[in-house]
Amino acid sequence: MSNQTLNAQDITPHDRLIDTVERCTDKAVSSNELLRLPLEQPHVIRRALEDLLPGRVVVTGTIERRLLLIEHGERWMAVDLSGEAHATRRWPGWAADHLMLEAPNSWLSPAAIDEQAMQRLLRPRVLLTALYRPEIFPLPRFPLAISDLARAARSTLTGQVDLLDMQLGATLDDLIAAIGENPPDILGVSATFGQHDLMLRLLDQVYSMAVAPLVLAGGSLTARNERLLLDRYPQLLVARGAGEPTIQDAISYWHGDLSLPDIRGIGYSGNSRAQKGLLQVGRYRRTRTIANRAQTDNLPELDLLDATFTHRGVAQLVLQPGIVITVR
């Protein structure tokens, strides 16, 4: 494709993907194969590109601004699939000294990425899970809670996020096996009423691991059973408000950028003295929460949308309070 063609407004993210792959390999590439890649599933994109290209591949960012970083010889290619200039992206602070773009005013730029940046881009490994009992909620619903958290996490360009929803065919044993085979650094668990026994079975297994992940539990069940859970699992973090800032802070905490009391919207067990911004309730600690109405980004990631429809589920889009569209 010519640069003139690439700058046209009718060029799609898949067109940009194809153009980039052609620049980064001498092999013949099937455009049809690349056109079939689901942009809403970053791990599918990454695995496909790793099979096609000789170097490392990172896929990050949110669905409308997927960012590809492709190792090409001694340099990298930074690709914003939206077609927006890299300079218009809100880059995290760590990128300033560790990820340098040669052409920030373009969507496609050679880049220098050091190993510190790679550590930030690839870690922590985050697994966001949703528990499920079909006898209580027989109709699968698009997992909005963990999909919103995935968006918040990916917007930081830090770490890699997977989602696993028990509504979509996975059993609790499958979930436990997945955690054991590829242990995440951070495990997010979303649970609602009627799932307490599932939560306990999962956490018992997780905390029996030689090295347990940082576990963040949220949902209506955990908010109600906060003290019970913290008594049983002192290492657990319980999300008490809007989960988006909490997951972002948990990622920063994992990297050592924040202390535990700086993670917004959690309850946890501890015996230290009360600190600034921290409510002391007996042996329990609570950090300040962010109200849901303060969240300005309500779009979810769509990794699990197709699978939800495949399982004859529904998805709801909330346009504004009182206006809800349900899709089957």
Protein backbone atom coordinates (compact mmCIF):
# COMPACT_ATOMS: atom_id res chain seq x y z
CA MET A 1 0.00 0.00 0.00
CA SER A 2 1.20 3.51 -0.68
CA ASN A 3 1.46 6.11 2.05
CA GLN A 4 -1.19 8.12 0.22
CA THR A 5 -3.56 5.19 0.46
CA LEU A 6 -2.69 4.58 4.09
CA ASN A 7 -3.57 8.16 5.00
CA ALA A 8 -7.04 7.89 3.50
CA GLN A 9 -9.85 7.97 6.02
CA ASP A 10 -11.43 4.80 4.68
CA ILE A 11 -8.43 2.67 5.65
CA THR A 12 -9.35 0.14 8.34
CA PRO A 13 -7.33 -1.14 11.31
CA HIS A 14 -6.94 -4.43 9.42
CA ASP A 15 -5.43 -2.55 6.46
CA ARG A 16 -2.88 -0.98 8.81
CA LEU A 17 -2.17 -4.38 10.30
CA ILE A 18 -1.56 -5.92 6.87
CA ASP A 19 0.68 -3.04 5.79
CA THR A 20 2.78 -3.34 8.96
CA VAL A 21 3.21 -7.10 8.66
CA GLU A 22 4.32 -6.70 5.03
CA ARG A 23 6.95 -4.18 6.15
CA CYS A 24 8.27 -6.51 8.85
CA THR A 25 8.69 -9.75 6.89
CA ASP A 26 9.95 -10.94 3.53
CA LYS A 27 7.57 -13.90 3.57
CA ALA A 28 4.37 -14.06 1.60
CA VAL A 29 1.50 -13.08 3.88
CA SER A 30 -2.13 -14.08 3.44
CA SER A 31 -4.20 -10.91 3.64
CA ASN A 32 -7.32 -13.00 4.16
CA GLU A 33 -5.80 -14.61 7.22
CA LEU A 34 -5.00 -11.22 8.73
CA LEU A 35 -8.41 -9.81 7.81
CA ARG A 36 -10.03 -12.56 9.89
CA LEU A 37 -8.13 -11.65 13.06
CA PRO A 38 -10.55 -10.37 15.74
CA LEU A 39 -9.28 -6.99 16.89
CA GLU A 40 -11.31 -7.36 20.09
CA GLN A 41 -9.08 -10.30 21.15
CA PRO A 42 -5.50 -9.04 21.57
CA HIS A 43 -4.08 -12.44 22.49
CA VAL A 44 -5.37 -13.95 19.26
CA ILE A 45 -3.65 -11.14 17.34
CA ARG A 46 -0.41 -11.64 19.25
CA ARG A 47 -0.29 -15.40 18.69
CA ALA A 48 -1.02 -15.01 14.97
CA LEU A 49 1.70 -12.38 14.50
CA GLU A 50 4.23 -14.41 16.48
CA ASP A 51 3.65 -17.25 13.99
CA LEU A 52 4.21 -14.89 11.05
CA LEU A 53 7.06 -12.69 12.25
CA PRO A 54 10.58 -13.48 13.46
CA GLY A 55 10.68 -11.07 16.40
CA ARG A 56 8.72 -10.44 19.59
CA VAL A 57 5.21 -8.98 19.47
CA VAL A 58 3.32 -6.98 22.08
CA VAL A 59 -0.38 -6.16 21.74
CA THR A 60 -1.71 -3.65 24.24
CA GLY A 61 -4.09 -0.71 24.57
CA THR A 62 -7.87 -0.64 24.44
CA ILE A 63 -10.00 -1.94 21.59
CA GLU A 64 -10.46 1.39 19.80
CA ARG A 65 -6.73 2.18 20.07
CA ARG A 66 -4.94 -1.14 19.88
CA LEU A 67 -1.19 -0.64 20.02
CA LEU A 68 1.13 -3.14 18.33
CA LEU A 69 4.84 -3.23 19.09
CA ILE A 70 6.70 -5.48 16.68
CA GLU A 71 10.38 -6.30 16.96
CA HIS A 72 12.02 -5.68 13.59
CA GLY A 73 15.75 -6.28 13.53
CA GLU A 74 17.42 -4.05 16.10
CA ARG A 75 14.41 -1.73 16.25
CA TRP A 76 10.71 -1.97 16.92
CA MET A 77 7.72 -0.80 14.93
CA ALA A 78 5.01 0.96 16.93
CA VAL A 79 1.60 0.72 15.29
CA ASP A 80 -1.59 2.46 16.39
CA LEU A 81 -4.27 0.48 14.58
CA SER A 82 -6.77 3.33 14.98
CA GLY A 83 -4.74 5.50 12.61
CA GLU A 84 -4.35 8.20 15.26
CA ALA A 85 -0.91 9.71 15.75
CA HIS A 86 1.10 8.21 18.60
CA ALA A 87 1.50 11.69 20.07
CA THR A 88 -2.24 11.86 20.75
CA ARG A 89 -2.13 8.83 23.04
CA ARG A 90 -1.97 9.29 26.79
CA TRP A 91 1.28 7.48 27.48
CA PRO A 92 2.13 6.23 30.98
CA GLY A 93 4.88 8.01 32.85
CA TRP A 94 7.33 5.12 32.62
CA ALA A 95 7.33 5.34 28.80
CA ALA A 96 9.03 8.76 28.72
CA ASP A 97 12.55 7.38 29.24
CA HIS A 98 12.13 3.82 28.03
CA LEU A 99 10.04 3.90 24.84
CA MET A 100 11.22 6.38 22.21
CA LEU A 101 9.29 7.03 18.99
CA GLU A 102 11.00 8.37 15.88
CA ALA A 103 7.76 9.57 14.27
CA PRO A 104 5.32 10.45 17.09
CA ASN A 105 3.03 12.37 14.72
CA SER A 106 2.27 9.23 12.71
CA TRP A 107 0.35 6.05 13.50
CA LEU A 108 3.37 4.02 12.35
CA SER A 109 6.79 4.72 13.81
CA PRO A 110 10.13 3.03 14.37
CA ALA A 111 10.76 2.84 18.09
CA ALA A 112 13.49 2.11 20.60
CA ILE A 113 12.20 0.00 23.51
CA ASP A 114 14.48 -1.02 26.35
CA GLU A 115 14.11 -3.99 28.68
CA GLN A 116 12.59 -1.88 31.45
CA ALA A 117 9.80 -0.94 29.07
CA MET A 118 9.35 -4.58 28.09
CA GLN A 119 9.01 -5.51 31.75
CA ARG A 120 6.22 -2.94 32.06
CA LEU A 121 4.50 -3.96 28.83
CA LEU A 122 4.51 -7.68 29.62
CA ARG A 123 4.06 -7.82 33.40
CA PRO A 124 2.09 -8.30 35.47
CA ARG A 125 0.10 -11.12 33.93
CA VAL A 126 -3.48 -10.35 34.95
CA LEU A 127 -6.29 -12.91 34.87
CA LEU A 128 -9.81 -11.54 35.38
CA THR A 129 -12.39 -14.19 36.18
CA ALA A 130 -16.15 -14.31 36.72
CA LEU A 131 -17.78 -17.08 38.77
CA TYR A 132 -21.12 -18.56 37.73
CA ARG A 133 -23.95 -20.83 38.84
CA PRO A 134 -26.33 -21.68 35.96
CA GLU A 135 -29.11 -22.71 38.35
CA ILE A 136 -29.23 -19.14 39.68
CA PHE A 137 -28.65 -17.17 36.46
CA PRO A 138 -29.45 -19.62 33.62
CA LEU A 139 -29.08 -17.02 30.84
CA PRO A 140 -25.43 -16.08 30.24
CA ARG A 141 -24.80 -12.35 30.20
CA PHE A 142 -21.86 -10.50 28.74
CA PRO A 143 -19.44 -10.14 31.70
CA LEU A 144 -19.45 -6.37 31.89
CA ALA A 145 -17.66 -6.20 35.25
CA ILE A 146 -14.46 -7.95 34.21
CA SER A 147 -14.64 -6.44 30.71
CA ASP A 148 -14.62 -2.94 32.22
CA LEU A 149 -11.66 -3.92 34.40
CA ALA A 150 -9.81 -5.27 31.37
CA ARG A 151 -10.26 -1.93 29.64
CA ALA A 152 -8.98 -0.02 32.66
CA ALA A 153 -5.95 -2.28 32.94
CA ARG A 154 -5.12 -2.18 29.22
CA SER A 155 -5.42 1.60 29.12
CA THR A 156 -2.29 1.76 31.30
CA LEU A 157 -0.25 -0.10 28.61
CA THR A 158 1.15 -2.10 31.51
CA GLY A 159 0.87 -5.88 31.78
CA GLN A 160 -1.11 -8.42 29.80
CA VAL A 161 -4.76 -9.17 30.58
CA ASP A 162 -6.71 -12.40 30.06
CA LEU A 163 -10.39 -13.00 30.82
CA LEU A 164 -12.13 -16.22 31.84
CA ASP A 165 -15.89 -16.38 32.41
CA MET A 166 -17.47 -19.53 33.85
CA GLN A 167 -20.69 -18.70 31.95
CA LEU A 168 -18.92 -19.68 28.75
CA GLY A 169 -18.31 -23.36 29.42
CA ALA A 170 -15.44 -23.32 31.93
CA THR A 171 -15.93 -25.15 35.23
CA LEU A 172 -14.37 -24.16 38.52
CA ASP A 173 -11.91 -27.04 38.09
CA ASP A 174 -11.00 -25.62 34.67
CA LEU A 175 -10.37 -22.23 36.25
CA ILE A 176 -8.22 -23.71 39.02
CA ALA A 177 -6.27 -25.75 36.47
CA ALA A 178 -5.68 -22.68 34.28
CA ILE A 179 -4.32 -20.75 37.27
CA GLY A 180 -2.04 -23.64 38.19
CA GLU A 181 -0.70 -24.16 34.67
CA ASN A 182 -0.02 -20.49 33.94
CA PRO A 183 -0.04 -18.65 37.27
CA PRO A 184 -1.04 -15.00 36.93
CA ASP A 185 0.70 -12.25 38.86
CA ILE A 186 -2.67 -10.66 39.66
CA LEU A 187 -5.93 -12.58 39.88
CA GLY A 188 -9.21 -10.68 39.77
CA VAL A 189 -12.33 -12.56 40.88
CA SER A 190 -15.87 -11.27 40.34
CA ALA A 191 -18.53 -12.97 42.46
CA THR A 192 -22.18 -12.34 43.22
CA PHE A 193 -24.79 -13.90 45.47
CA GLY A 194 -25.06 -17.68 45.47
CA GLN A 195 -21.37 -18.11 44.63
CA HIS A 196 -19.82 -18.03 48.10
CA ASP A 197 -18.84 -21.71 48.08
CA LEU A 198 -17.25 -21.30 44.64
CA MET A 199 -15.28 -18.33 45.92
CA LEU A 200 -14.00 -20.28 48.94
CA ARG A 201 -13.00 -23.31 46.86
CA LEU A 202 -11.13 -21.09 44.43
CA LEU A 203 -9.33 -19.04 47.07
CA ASP A 204 -8.42 -22.14 49.10
CA GLN A 205 -6.68 -23.53 46.03
CA VAL A 206 -5.01 -20.25 45.11
CA TYR A 207 -3.61 -19.64 48.58
CA SER A 208 -2.27 -23.20 48.74
CA MET A 209 0.07 -22.39 45.83
CA ALA A 210 3.77 -22.10 46.59
CA VAL A 211 3.67 -18.54 45.29
CA ALA A 212 0.14 -17.13 45.31
CA PRO A 213 -0.81 -14.25 43.02
CA LEU A 214 -2.03 -10.92 44.30
CA VAL A 215 -5.79 -11.56 44.52
CA LEU A 216 -8.37 -8.82 44.12
CA ALA A 217 -11.96 -9.90 44.77
CA GLY A 218 -14.96 -7.80 43.83
CA GLY A 219 -18.68 -7.91 43.25
CA SER A 220 -21.79 -7.77 45.42
CA LEU A 221 -20.87 -10.98 47.28
CA THR A 222 -17.44 -9.83 48.39
CA ALA A 223 -18.68 -6.42 49.47
CA ARG A 224 -21.19 -8.10 51.77
CA ASN A 225 -18.75 -10.74 53.10
CA GLU A 226 -15.69 -8.51 53.33
CA ARG A 227 -14.75 -9.25 56.95
CA LEU A 228 -15.48 -12.95 56.68
CA LEU A 229 -13.20 -13.20 53.66
CA LEU A 230 -10.42 -11.13 55.21
CA ASP A 231 -10.49 -13.25 58.36
CA ARG A 232 -10.06 -16.38 56.30
CA TYR A 233 -7.63 -14.94 53.72
CA PRO A 234 -5.47 -12.19 55.28
CA GLN A 235 -3.61 -11.65 51.99
CA LEU A 236 -6.80 -10.91 50.05
CA LEU A 237 -7.70 -7.46 48.73
CA VAL A 238 -11.44 -6.74 48.56
CA ALA A 239 -12.59 -4.18 46.00
CA ARG A 240 -15.19 -1.93 47.62
CA GLY A 241 -16.11 0.55 44.91
CA ALA A 242 -15.57 1.24 41.23
CA GLY A 243 -13.07 -1.43 40.23
CA GLU A 244 -11.39 0.45 37.38
CA PRO A 245 -9.08 2.66 39.49
CA THR A 246 -8.52 -0.26 41.86
CA ILE A 247 -7.15 -2.60 39.17
CA GLN A 248 -4.96 0.19 37.78
CA ASP A 249 -3.55 0.87 41.26
CA ALA A 250 -3.06 -2.85 41.90
CA ILE A 251 -0.89 -3.03 38.78
CA SER A 252 1.15 -0.05 40.00
CA TYR A 253 1.43 -1.68 43.44
CA TRP A 254 2.73 -4.88 41.84
CA HIS A 255 5.47 -2.84 40.17
CA GLY A 256 6.34 -1.10 43.43
CA ASP A 257 5.07 2.32 42.35
CA LEU A 258 2.44 2.49 45.12
CA SER A 259 2.16 1.26 48.67
CA LEU A 260 -0.79 -0.89 49.71
CA PRO A 261 -2.71 1.99 51.39
CA ASP A 262 -2.46 3.93 48.11
CA ILE A 263 -4.58 1.41 46.20
CA ARG A 264 -7.94 3.10 45.84
CA GLY A 265 -11.12 1.35 46.91
CA ILE A 266 -9.93 -1.73 48.81
CA GLY A 267 -10.46 -3.39 52.15
CA TYR A 268 -7.65 -5.49 53.54
CA SER A 269 -6.36 -7.03 56.74
CA GLY A 270 -3.53 -5.38 58.65
CA ASN A 271 -2.30 -4.37 62.08
CA SER A 272 -0.40 -1.19 61.24
CA ARG A 273 -1.47 2.20 62.51
CA ALA A 274 -3.96 4.23 60.56
CA GLN A 275 -2.35 6.24 57.79
CA LYS A 276 -3.39 9.32 55.90
CA GLY A 277 -6.33 8.59 53.60
CA LEU A 278 -7.01 5.29 55.42
CA LEU A 279 -9.96 4.41 57.65
CA GLN A 280 -9.06 2.08 60.51
CA VAL A 281 -11.84 -0.33 61.47
CA GLY A 282 -10.47 -2.74 64.10
CA ARG A 283 -8.02 -5.05 62.36
CA TYR A 284 -9.39 -4.06 58.98
CA ARG A 285 -8.20 -1.31 56.70
CA ARG A 286 -10.11 0.55 54.06
CA THR A 287 -8.73 2.96 51.50
CA ARG A 288 -10.63 5.79 49.87
CA THR A 289 -13.06 4.78 47.15
CA ILE A 290 -13.94 6.40 43.83
CA ALA A 291 -17.66 6.79 43.21
CA ASN A 292 -19.06 5.02 40.15
CA ARG A 293 -20.45 8.31 38.87
CA ALA A 294 -16.90 9.68 38.79
CA GLN A 295 -15.95 7.15 36.10
CA THR A 296 -16.00 8.81 32.69
CA ASP A 297 -15.04 5.79 30.56
CA ASN A 298 -17.91 3.30 30.40
CA LEU A 299 -16.85 1.27 27.37
CA PRO A 300 -15.85 -2.37 27.98
CA GLU A 301 -13.35 -4.57 26.21
CA LEU A 302 -15.08 -7.10 23.94
CA ASP A 303 -12.90 -10.22 24.23
CA LEU A 304 -15.85 -12.35 25.37
CA LEU A 305 -18.67 -10.84 23.31
CA ASP A 306 -18.71 -13.42 20.50
CA ALA A 307 -18.43 -16.28 22.99
CA THR A 308 -21.38 -14.86 24.95
CA PHE A 309 -23.57 -14.91 21.83
CA THR A 310 -22.29 -18.37 20.90
CA HIS A 311 -23.61 -19.58 24.27
CA ARG A 312 -26.97 -17.91 23.51
CA GLY A 313 -26.36 -15.18 26.01
CA VAL A 314 -27.23 -11.49 26.00
CA ALA A 315 -25.30 -8.25 26.18
CA GLN A 316 -26.55 -4.96 27.54
CA LEU A 317 -25.37 -1.51 26.51
CA VAL A 318 -26.12 1.30 28.96
CA LEU A 319 -26.23 4.53 26.96
CA GLN A 320 -27.19 6.64 29.96
CA PRO A 321 -29.14 6.07 33.18
CA GLY A 322 -32.51 4.60 32.23
CA ILE A 323 -31.59 3.83 28.62
CA VAL A 324 -30.43 0.22 28.21
CA ILE A 325 -30.14 -1.73 24.94
CA THR A 326 -30.17 -5.53 25.20
CA VAL A 327 -28.67 -7.59 22.36
CA ARG A 328 -29.18 -11.34 21.97
